[in-house]
Amino acid sequence: MPVPVPVPVPQQRGVPAAETPHGADLTVLVIEDDPAGSITGPELSAAAGTRVRIRTARNLTEAGRLLTDDVDCILLDLALPVPTTTATATTATTTAPAAPDHRPEPAPGRADELAVLTHVLRIAPLHAVLVLTAQDDTELAAEAVRVGAQDYLFRGELDARVLSRAIRYAVERKRADLAQHQLTESGLRAQENARLERGLLPTPLLEGSDLSFAARYRPGRSRALLGGDFYDTVRTPDGTVHAMIGDVCGHGPDEAALGVELRIAWRALTLAGLCGDQLLSTLQQVLEHERQSEEIFATLCTVDIAPDGRRAGLCLAGHPAPLLARHGRPARLLPYEDGGPALGLLPRARWPRRQVELGAEWSLMMYTDGLIEGRVGAGSSQRLGQDGMVAMVNSRLEQGLAGEELLEAAVAEVRELNGGELTDDVAVLLLGRAPERVRRRGRSASRPGPVSTAPPATAPAAASAQRPPLYGP
């Protein structure tokens, strides 16, 4: 059989051949110490119906120099002797990152027979590999596939038609293996990101408080759990309940990270005893040090509810005013006139603290602008706005909704009015104080007692009796 004509080494393309769809042409690197035993390019081209380029290497060192990104498949003779310089042989020049090597080790007693294969798999992790072996070495051939080769061929049965078909199969199988590996890695990375983001969401610290708490959070980023909106609630040792909700301008992961930093800083400063203007001034310093651009700012709304639950201090930093619902009255927005600028806009800004009378029975809804900036009707330029939100909440209150049910219905209606998913982050926080009789009933219901024999259908009624309602007109 004639010796194949040498082919010049092509320029590097920067992406492995197995990862990118070539045209119909194929490039095969044959690694064997008897080039005369190889099938020539014209033979393969005639059998495959397309152009096949062949390069030959007599040893692993020469193979390392010829192994470039445009090689589609490696045809490796398992009988090739392994030189003592294998460990220092030239490695592949593939510029793309190699996939992690999780291939199984050869079976006991087979390591020496498969040493040449394991070396090729190490220097060419992104290329398809076909192995050649003797016809009576079926077990060795199967072990080669288990270790990492895409397929095997017997030397005695080798012809152009069989080889061209095997090369095509090996290339496609390697491409599928790489795609599956990338898909698995992407899934694991998504799980880790979700676990991280879930761990960064706040856990309210309200132990010992009679106030109810509910929240809803929907990031605007696709497939994300965390956005630029943030909120938190803590109770300090003096019995004061502090709540906060904020919004970092923007919707990317950097904004989400900054929101987490501001939330954690707010909790630390609150537990350290800071409140009102002093707290917001310190948070602005945190923002100015952590933001990546001077154009980044954040809006914030904070309330501190007195231990008796009847009064609250309100600070607004460029943020929409909360919604207050009291017994026997429709929900209304709290005053906004005394608010200060958003954090990060003015170096020496001040944020006045306004005193608000809550009363004996109330619910306070804090929200970000994602709830009010959704459009009213698909394709409409009109936005819901604060007035539309107040009307929507009052309508739901008249239906008897409260707590988490109210928030879920409100967010669902805003999304429906928008004609689909909202593009902005949405965070809604609801704090409430129930009548004393309801709180006493809830405390008594939480004490251990005899096992109830009532049917399960009565459970929702008991649960709703313990839920502090929002009162409409």
Protein backbone atom coordinates (compact mmCIF):
# COMPACT_ATOMS: atom_id res chain seq x y z
CA MET A 1 0.00 0.00 0.00
CA PRO A 2 1.49 3.40 -0.92
CA VAL A 3 2.68 5.79 1.74
CA PRO A 4 0.24 8.72 2.30
CA VAL A 5 1.33 12.12 1.05
CA PRO A 6 2.32 14.35 4.00
CA VAL A 7 -0.17 17.09 4.77
CA PRO A 8 1.01 20.49 6.09
CA VAL A 9 0.00 21.28 9.66
CA PRO A 10 -2.91 23.80 9.52
CA GLN A 11 -3.20 26.95 11.58
CA GLN A 12 -4.72 26.71 15.07
CA ARG A 13 -8.38 27.70 15.24
CA GLY A 14 -8.75 27.99 19.02
CA VAL A 15 -11.77 25.64 19.32
CA PRO A 16 -11.59 21.82 19.40
CA ALA A 17 -12.86 20.06 16.34
CA ALA A 18 -15.18 17.84 18.36
CA GLU A 19 -16.99 20.87 19.73
CA THR A 20 -17.67 22.64 16.44
CA PRO A 21 -19.55 21.37 13.39
CA HIS A 22 -17.14 21.05 10.45
CA GLY A 23 -18.22 20.81 6.92
CA ALA A 24 -18.30 17.44 5.23
CA ASP A 25 -14.47 17.30 5.22
CA LEU A 26 -12.66 15.21 7.84
CA THR A 27 -9.11 15.23 9.18
CA VAL A 28 -7.79 12.00 10.71
CA LEU A 29 -4.56 11.60 12.68
CA VAL A 30 -3.23 8.03 12.38
CA ILE A 31 -0.82 6.99 15.12
CA GLU A 32 1.01 3.73 14.28
CA ASP A 33 4.58 2.67 13.70
CA ASP A 34 3.82 1.12 10.27
CA PRO A 35 2.54 3.87 7.99
CA ALA A 36 2.42 1.46 5.06
CA GLY A 37 -0.44 -0.33 6.78
CA SER A 38 -2.68 2.72 6.74
CA ILE A 39 -5.53 3.38 4.38
CA THR A 40 -4.87 6.41 2.21
CA GLY A 41 -6.87 9.59 2.01
CA PRO A 42 -8.11 8.94 -1.54
CA GLU A 43 -9.43 5.52 -0.49
CA LEU A 44 -11.30 6.97 2.46
CA SER A 45 -12.56 9.90 0.41
CA ALA A 46 -13.96 7.55 -2.21
CA ALA A 47 -15.65 5.39 0.45
CA ALA A 48 -17.03 8.31 2.45
CA GLY A 49 -18.09 10.40 -0.53
CA THR A 50 -16.27 13.40 0.91
CA ARG A 51 -12.74 14.70 1.29
CA VAL A 52 -10.71 12.97 4.04
CA ARG A 53 -7.28 14.30 5.00
CA ILE A 54 -4.86 11.94 6.73
CA ARG A 55 -1.84 12.75 8.88
CA THR A 56 0.43 10.01 10.16
CA ALA A 57 2.58 9.85 13.26
CA ARG A 58 4.99 7.01 14.08
CA ASN A 59 5.13 7.70 17.81
CA LEU A 60 3.46 9.73 20.54
CA THR A 61 5.97 12.54 20.44
CA GLU A 62 5.32 13.11 16.74
CA ALA A 63 1.57 12.78 17.38
CA GLY A 64 1.74 15.59 19.92
CA ARG A 65 3.11 17.93 17.26
CA LEU A 66 0.47 16.96 14.69
CA LEU A 67 -2.48 17.04 17.07
CA THR A 68 -4.17 20.35 16.29
CA ASP A 69 -7.66 21.70 16.74
CA ASP A 70 -8.88 20.78 13.27
CA VAL A 71 -8.25 17.04 13.79
CA ASP A 72 -11.63 15.30 13.85
CA CYS A 73 -10.55 11.82 14.87
CA ILE A 74 -7.48 9.94 16.08
CA LEU A 75 -6.88 6.42 14.80
CA LEU A 76 -4.60 4.75 17.38
CA ASP A 77 -2.88 1.39 17.15
CA LEU A 78 -2.89 -0.20 20.63
CA ALA A 79 0.20 -2.20 19.67
CA LEU A 80 2.24 0.98 19.43
CA PRO A 81 5.18 0.81 21.86
CA VAL A 82 5.19 3.34 24.67
CA PRO A 83 8.51 5.22 24.80
CA THR A 84 10.11 6.01 28.12
CA THR A 85 9.66 9.73 27.37
CA THR A 86 5.88 9.45 27.34
CA ALA A 87 5.55 11.50 30.49
CA THR A 88 7.36 14.42 28.86
CA ALA A 89 5.85 14.08 25.39
CA THR A 90 4.50 17.18 23.72
CA THR A 91 0.91 17.80 24.75
CA ALA A 92 -1.94 18.92 22.52
CA THR A 93 -2.01 22.51 21.37
CA THR A 94 -5.75 22.81 21.86
CA THR A 95 -6.45 26.30 23.16
CA ALA A 96 -9.91 25.53 24.54
CA PRO A 97 -10.04 24.42 28.19
CA ALA A 98 -9.87 20.67 28.60
CA ALA A 99 -12.72 18.86 30.25
CA PRO A 100 -12.00 17.39 33.70
CA ASP A 101 -10.62 13.87 33.40
CA HIS A 102 -13.10 11.54 35.13
CA ARG A 103 -12.35 8.50 33.01
CA PRO A 104 -12.13 5.12 34.73
CA GLU A 105 -8.77 3.51 35.29
CA PRO A 106 -7.86 0.43 33.24
CA ALA A 107 -8.73 -2.91 34.79
CA PRO A 108 -5.97 -4.65 36.79
CA GLY A 109 -3.45 -6.21 34.44
CA ARG A 110 -4.49 -4.03 31.50
CA ALA A 111 -2.70 -0.80 32.42
CA ASP A 112 0.43 -1.61 30.40
CA GLU A 113 -1.56 -2.71 27.35
CA LEU A 114 -3.57 0.50 27.42
CA ALA A 115 -0.75 2.88 28.38
CA VAL A 116 -0.60 4.37 24.89
CA LEU A 117 -4.36 4.98 24.92
CA THR A 118 -4.41 6.63 28.34
CA HIS A 119 -1.60 8.93 27.20
CA VAL A 120 -3.50 9.94 24.05
CA LEU A 121 -6.69 10.54 26.04
CA ARG A 122 -4.71 12.75 28.39
CA ILE A 123 -3.19 14.94 25.65
CA ALA A 124 -6.37 14.94 23.50
CA PRO A 125 -9.35 15.06 25.88
CA LEU A 126 -11.59 16.78 23.32
CA HIS A 127 -10.91 14.58 20.29
CA ALA A 128 -12.63 11.40 19.14
CA VAL A 129 -10.41 8.31 19.42
CA LEU A 130 -10.68 5.03 17.48
CA VAL A 131 -8.40 2.16 18.52
CA LEU A 132 -7.00 -0.60 16.33
CA THR A 133 -6.36 -4.02 17.82
CA ALA A 134 -5.91 -7.64 16.78
CA GLN A 135 -9.04 -9.67 16.09
CA ASP A 136 -8.41 -12.01 19.02
CA ASP A 137 -8.15 -9.06 21.48
CA THR A 138 -11.91 -8.50 21.91
CA GLU A 139 -11.63 -8.05 25.67
CA LEU A 140 -8.81 -5.52 25.28
CA ALA A 141 -10.83 -3.61 22.68
CA ALA A 142 -13.88 -3.48 24.97
CA GLU A 143 -11.69 -2.32 27.85
CA ALA A 144 -10.31 0.47 25.64
CA VAL A 145 -13.85 1.74 25.00
CA ARG A 146 -14.64 1.57 28.71
CA VAL A 147 -11.54 3.63 29.50
CA GLY A 148 -12.45 6.39 27.04
CA ALA A 149 -12.14 5.47 23.35
CA GLN A 150 -15.23 6.03 21.21
CA ASP A 151 -14.98 2.74 19.32
CA TYR A 152 -12.59 -0.01 18.20
CA LEU A 153 -11.72 -1.74 14.91
CA PHE A 154 -9.91 -4.99 14.15
CA ARG A 155 -6.91 -4.69 11.88
CA GLY A 156 -7.88 -7.73 9.84
CA GLU A 157 -11.30 -6.32 8.97
CA LEU A 158 -10.15 -2.79 8.18
CA ASP A 159 -11.30 -1.37 4.88
CA ALA A 160 -12.15 2.10 3.63
CA ARG A 161 -15.93 1.69 3.92
CA VAL A 162 -15.87 0.38 7.50
CA LEU A 163 -13.28 2.92 8.59
CA SER A 164 -15.10 5.93 7.12
CA ARG A 165 -18.32 4.91 8.85
CA ALA A 166 -16.52 4.30 12.17
CA ILE A 167 -14.80 7.70 11.99
CA ARG A 168 -18.13 9.47 11.45
CA TYR A 169 -19.69 7.57 14.34
CA ALA A 170 -16.76 8.28 16.68
CA VAL A 171 -16.81 12.02 15.90
CA GLU A 172 -20.54 12.31 16.52
CA ARG A 173 -20.36 10.22 19.69
CA LYS A 174 -17.53 12.37 21.06
CA ARG A 175 -19.48 15.52 20.23
CA ALA A 176 -22.51 14.11 22.06
CA ASP A 177 -20.36 13.12 25.06
CA LEU A 178 -18.93 16.63 25.29
CA ALA A 179 -22.38 18.19 25.02
CA GLN A 180 -23.69 15.92 27.76
CA HIS A 181 -20.70 16.73 29.95
CA GLN A 182 -21.26 20.46 29.47
CA LEU A 183 -24.97 20.05 30.17
CA THR A 184 -24.24 18.15 33.39
CA GLU A 185 -21.73 20.78 34.50
CA SER A 186 -24.20 23.55 33.68
CA GLY A 187 -26.90 21.81 35.73
CA LEU A 188 -24.59 21.38 38.71
CA ARG A 189 -23.48 25.00 38.43
CA ALA A 190 -27.12 26.14 38.32
CA GLN A 191 -27.89 24.06 41.42
CA GLU A 192 -24.95 25.59 43.27
CA ASN A 193 -25.98 29.10 42.23
CA ALA A 194 -29.55 28.45 43.34
CA ARG A 195 -28.35 27.09 46.69
CA LEU A 196 -26.12 30.13 47.16
CA GLU A 197 -28.85 32.61 46.23
CA ARG A 198 -31.39 30.82 48.42
CA GLY A 199 -28.99 31.06 51.35
CA LEU A 200 -28.65 34.81 50.78
CA LEU A 201 -32.40 35.44 51.06
CA PRO A 202 -33.34 36.89 54.46
CA THR A 203 -34.71 34.99 57.44
CA PRO A 204 -36.84 37.34 59.56
CA LEU A 205 -35.81 37.64 63.22
CA LEU A 206 -39.16 38.22 64.95
CA GLU A 207 -39.01 35.85 67.90
CA GLY A 208 -41.05 37.23 70.80
CA SER A 209 -43.08 39.63 68.63
CA ASP A 210 -46.87 39.57 68.22
CA LEU A 211 -46.62 40.97 64.69
CA SER A 212 -47.39 38.81 61.68
CA PHE A 213 -45.01 38.65 58.73
CA ALA A 214 -45.42 37.72 55.07
CA ALA A 215 -43.27 38.39 51.99
CA ARG A 216 -43.18 37.73 48.26
CA TYR A 217 -40.10 38.01 46.07
CA ARG A 218 -39.80 37.66 42.27
CA PRO A 219 -36.46 38.57 40.62
CA GLY A 220 -36.70 40.05 37.15
CA ARG A 221 -33.66 38.14 35.88
CA SER A 222 -34.47 34.92 34.04
CA ARG A 223 -33.74 31.73 36.02
CA ALA A 224 -32.52 33.72 39.03
CA LEU A 225 -33.58 33.54 42.67
CA LEU A 226 -32.03 36.83 43.68
CA GLY A 227 -32.38 40.31 42.21
CA GLY A 228 -31.49 43.88 43.07
CA ASP A 229 -34.46 44.21 45.45
CA PHE A 230 -33.86 43.36 49.10
CA TYR A 231 -35.74 43.35 52.40
CA ASP A 232 -35.30 42.31 56.02
CA THR A 233 -37.04 42.36 59.40
CA VAL A 234 -35.49 42.08 62.87
CA ARG A 235 -36.63 42.59 66.46
CA THR A 236 -34.15 44.25 68.82
CA PRO A 237 -33.89 43.40 72.54
CA ASP A 238 -36.00 46.43 73.53
CA GLY A 239 -38.98 44.96 71.67
CA THR A 240 -38.84 47.31 68.65
CA VAL A 241 -39.48 45.65 65.29
CA HIS A 242 -37.40 47.09 62.45
CA ALA A 243 -38.31 46.45 58.82
CA MET A 244 -36.63 47.53 55.62
CA ILE A 245 -37.16 47.17 51.88
CA GLY A 246 -34.90 48.53 49.14
CA ASP A 247 -34.05 48.48 45.46
CA VAL A 248 -30.66 48.78 43.76
CA CYS A 249 -30.94 50.31 40.29
CA GLY A 250 -30.32 47.68 37.62
CA HIS A 251 -31.17 44.00 37.29
CA GLY A 252 -27.90 42.08 36.94
CA PRO A 253 -25.91 39.85 39.30
CA ASP A 254 -23.75 42.81 40.42
CA GLU A 255 -26.87 44.66 41.57
CA ALA A 256 -28.12 41.53 43.32
CA ALA A 257 -24.80 41.19 45.16
CA LEU A 258 -24.90 44.85 46.20
CA GLY A 259 -28.44 44.40 47.48
CA VAL A 260 -27.30 41.51 49.67
CA GLU A 261 -24.43 43.62 51.03
CA LEU A 262 -26.78 46.48 51.91
CA ARG A 263 -29.27 44.14 53.56
CA ILE A 264 -26.61 42.50 55.73
CA ALA A 265 -25.15 45.90 56.60
CA TRP A 266 -28.63 47.16 57.56
CA ARG A 267 -29.20 44.19 59.86
CA ALA A 268 -25.82 44.61 61.54
CA LEU A 269 -26.29 48.34 62.02
CA THR A 270 -29.82 47.88 63.33
CA LEU A 271 -28.77 45.26 65.86
CA ALA A 272 -25.95 47.63 66.88
CA GLY A 273 -28.56 50.25 67.79
CA LEU A 274 -28.47 52.63 64.82
CA CYS A 275 -31.73 54.02 63.47
CA GLY A 276 -33.11 56.69 61.16
CA ASP A 277 -30.77 59.23 59.62
CA GLN A 278 -27.65 57.81 61.29
CA LEU A 279 -28.33 54.34 59.92
CA LEU A 280 -29.07 55.58 56.38
CA SER A 281 -25.97 57.78 56.34
CA THR A 282 -23.83 54.77 57.23
CA LEU A 283 -25.57 52.62 54.59
CA GLN A 284 -24.80 55.28 52.00
CA GLN A 285 -21.12 55.00 52.88
CA VAL A 286 -21.33 51.23 52.39
CA LEU A 287 -22.99 51.76 49.01
CA GLU A 288 -20.39 54.28 47.89
CA HIS A 289 -17.54 51.91 48.76
CA GLU A 290 -19.09 48.76 47.27
CA ARG A 291 -20.71 50.00 44.05
CA GLN A 292 -18.85 49.55 40.78
CA SER A 293 -19.95 52.88 39.32
CA GLU A 294 -20.85 56.27 40.73
CA GLU A 295 -24.09 56.05 38.77
CA ILE A 296 -25.35 53.20 40.95
CA PHE A 297 -27.85 54.19 43.63
CA ALA A 298 -30.40 52.45 45.85
CA THR A 299 -33.81 53.44 47.19
CA LEU A 300 -34.79 52.42 50.70
CA CYS A 301 -37.75 52.46 53.07
CA THR A 302 -37.30 51.70 56.77
CA VAL A 303 -39.82 51.51 59.60
CA ASP A 304 -39.23 50.93 63.31
CA ILE A 305 -42.37 49.81 65.13
CA ALA A 306 -42.61 50.58 68.86
CA PRO A 307 -42.82 47.65 71.31
CA ASP A 308 -46.55 48.37 71.94
CA GLY A 309 -47.17 48.07 68.16
CA ARG A 310 -49.17 51.33 67.96
CA ARG A 311 -46.57 53.72 66.57
CA ALA A 312 -43.77 53.61 64.00
CA GLY A 313 -40.95 55.76 62.71
CA LEU A 314 -40.73 56.00 58.92
CA CYS A 315 -37.71 56.96 56.80
CA LEU A 316 -37.84 57.13 53.01
CA ALA A 317 -34.79 57.38 50.77
CA GLY A 318 -36.23 57.90 47.30
CA HIS A 319 -38.53 54.91 47.84
CA PRO A 320 -42.33 54.60 47.38
CA ALA A 321 -44.32 55.17 50.59
CA PRO A 322 -45.78 52.09 52.33
CA LEU A 323 -49.47 51.21 52.30
CA LEU A 324 -51.29 51.21 55.65
CA ALA A 325 -54.61 49.48 56.28
CA ARG A 326 -56.39 50.06 59.60
CA HIS A 327 -59.54 48.54 61.05
CA GLY A 328 -62.65 49.96 59.44
CA ARG A 329 -60.79 52.15 56.96
CA PRO A 330 -59.60 51.65 53.38
CA ALA A 331 -55.89 51.19 52.80
CA ARG A 332 -53.98 54.38 52.06
CA LEU A 333 -50.44 55.47 51.30
CA LEU A 334 -48.40 56.97 54.12
CA PRO A 335 -47.09 60.53 53.59
CA TYR A 336 -44.09 60.87 51.32
CA GLU A 337 -43.36 64.59 51.66
CA ASP A 338 -40.66 64.24 54.30
CA GLY A 339 -38.62 61.67 52.37
CA GLY A 340 -34.97 62.11 51.46
CA PRO A 341 -33.02 61.25 48.27
CA ALA A 342 -31.98 57.77 47.22
CA LEU A 343 -28.75 56.43 48.71
CA GLY A 344 -25.72 57.30 46.62
CA LEU A 345 -27.05 60.48 44.99
CA LEU A 346 -26.04 63.27 47.40
CA PRO A 347 -22.87 63.05 49.54
CA ARG A 348 -24.27 64.82 52.62
CA ALA A 349 -27.95 64.00 52.36
CA ARG A 350 -30.28 63.74 55.34
CA TRP A 351 -33.29 61.49 55.86
CA PRO A 352 -35.90 62.81 58.33
CA ARG A 353 -37.77 60.28 60.49
CA ARG A 354 -41.53 60.74 60.44
CA GLN A 355 -43.73 59.49 63.30
CA VAL A 356 -46.75 57.45 62.16
CA GLU A 357 -49.74 56.41 64.29
CA LEU A 358 -50.68 52.83 63.48
CA GLY A 359 -53.46 52.10 65.95
CA ALA A 360 -54.48 48.84 67.62
CA GLU A 361 -55.24 46.76 64.50
CA TRP A 362 -53.36 47.37 61.30
CA SER A 363 -51.31 45.97 58.43
CA LEU A 364 -48.42 47.71 56.71
CA MET A 365 -47.37 46.78 53.16
CA MET A 366 -43.91 47.76 51.95
CA TYR A 367 -43.00 47.15 48.30
CA THR A 368 -40.55 47.97 45.53
CA ASP A 369 -41.41 49.83 42.34
CA GLY A 370 -41.59 46.59 40.36
CA LEU A 371 -45.09 46.17 41.79
CA ILE A 372 -46.36 49.51 40.47
CA GLU A 373 -44.41 49.91 37.22
CA GLY A 374 -46.03 47.00 35.41
CA ARG A 375 -48.22 47.98 32.46
CA VAL A 376 -52.01 47.83 32.46
CA GLY A 377 -52.75 45.67 29.42
CA ALA A 378 -50.39 44.01 26.95
CA GLY A 379 -48.82 46.60 24.67
CA SER A 380 -50.21 49.49 26.73
CA SER A 381 -48.03 52.42 27.76
CA GLN A 382 -50.09 53.04 30.91
CA ARG A 383 -48.58 51.79 34.14
CA LEU A 384 -50.38 50.57 37.23
CA GLY A 385 -48.92 53.25 39.50
CA GLN A 386 -49.51 53.73 43.21
CA ASP A 387 -53.17 54.72 42.81
CA GLY A 388 -53.87 51.58 40.80
CA MET A 389 -52.07 49.48 43.41
CA VAL A 390 -54.12 51.01 46.25
CA ALA A 391 -57.37 50.28 44.39
CA MET A 392 -56.23 46.73 43.63
CA VAL A 393 -55.30 46.04 47.28
CA ASN A 394 -58.56 47.48 48.60
CA SER A 395 -60.47 45.26 46.16
CA ARG A 396 -58.66 42.21 47.47
CA LEU A 397 -59.28 43.28 51.07
CA GLU A 398 -63.01 43.47 50.35
CA GLN A 399 -62.76 39.83 49.24
CA GLY A 400 -61.39 38.94 52.68
CA LEU A 401 -57.84 38.15 51.58
CA ALA A 402 -55.04 38.67 54.09
CA GLY A 403 -51.40 37.83 54.75
CA GLU A 404 -49.68 35.61 52.22
CA GLU A 405 -52.90 35.09 50.26
CA LEU A 406 -53.19 38.84 49.75
CA LEU A 407 -49.58 39.17 48.55
CA GLU A 408 -49.86 36.19 46.23
CA ALA A 409 -53.05 37.55 44.70
CA ALA A 410 -51.59 41.05 44.32
CA VAL A 411 -48.43 39.86 42.56
CA ALA A 412 -50.45 37.53 40.33
CA GLU A 413 -52.84 40.33 39.33
CA VAL A 414 -49.98 42.72 38.55
CA ARG A 415 -48.41 40.08 36.33
CA GLU A 416 -51.73 39.40 34.61
CA LEU A 417 -52.34 43.10 33.98
CA ASN A 418 -48.84 43.35 32.50
CA GLY A 419 -49.67 40.60 30.05
CA GLY A 420 -46.82 38.35 31.17
CA GLU A 421 -43.77 38.19 33.39
CA LEU A 422 -42.58 41.46 34.90
CA THR A 423 -39.16 42.60 33.75
CA ASP A 424 -38.34 44.37 37.02
CA ASP A 425 -37.66 42.77 40.38
CA VAL A 426 -40.64 42.66 42.75
CA ALA A 427 -40.42 42.50 46.54
CA VAL A 428 -43.42 42.93 48.85
CA LEU A 429 -43.33 42.82 52.65
CA LEU A 430 -46.40 42.71 54.91
CA LEU A 431 -46.39 43.32 58.66
CA GLY A 432 -49.60 43.21 60.70
CA ARG A 433 -50.97 43.51 64.21
CA ALA A 434 -54.11 41.61 65.13
CA PRO A 435 -56.65 42.39 67.88
CA GLU A 436 -55.64 41.28 71.35
CA ARG A 437 -58.32 38.58 71.39
CA VAL A 438 -56.90 37.03 68.22
CA ARG A 439 -53.37 37.12 69.64
CA ARG A 440 -54.56 35.43 72.85
CA ARG A 441 -56.34 32.79 70.80
CA GLY A 442 -53.20 32.21 68.75
CA ARG A 443 -51.05 31.84 71.87
CA SER A 444 -53.49 29.40 73.48
CA ALA A 445 -53.71 27.39 70.29
CA SER A 446 -49.93 27.03 70.28
CA ARG A 447 -49.87 25.46 73.77
CA PRO A 448 -49.69 21.63 73.99
CA GLY A 449 -53.07 20.02 74.54
CA PRO A 450 -55.04 16.86 73.90
CA VAL A 451 -55.06 15.45 70.40
CA SER A 452 -58.03 16.80 68.47
CA THR A 453 -60.55 14.36 67.08
CA ALA A 454 -62.09 16.93 64.76
CA PRO A 455 -61.97 16.09 61.05
CA PRO A 456 -59.14 17.67 59.00
CA ALA A 457 -61.62 19.98 57.23
CA THR A 458 -61.77 22.20 60.32
CA ALA A 459 -58.04 22.96 60.20
CA PRO A 460 -58.19 25.81 57.66
CA ALA A 461 -60.77 27.65 59.77
CA ALA A 462 -58.51 27.49 62.82
CA ALA A 463 -55.52 28.63 60.79
CA SER A 464 -57.40 31.59 59.34
CA ALA A 465 -58.56 32.62 62.81
CA GLN A 466 -54.92 32.97 63.85
CA ARG A 467 -53.97 35.01 60.78
CA PRO A 468 -54.14 38.77 61.46
CA PRO A 469 -56.30 40.26 58.72
CA LEU A 470 -55.89 43.42 56.70
CA TYR A 471 -58.99 45.52 57.14
CA GLY A 472 -60.63 47.37 54.27
CA PRO A 473 -63.60 49.73 54.34
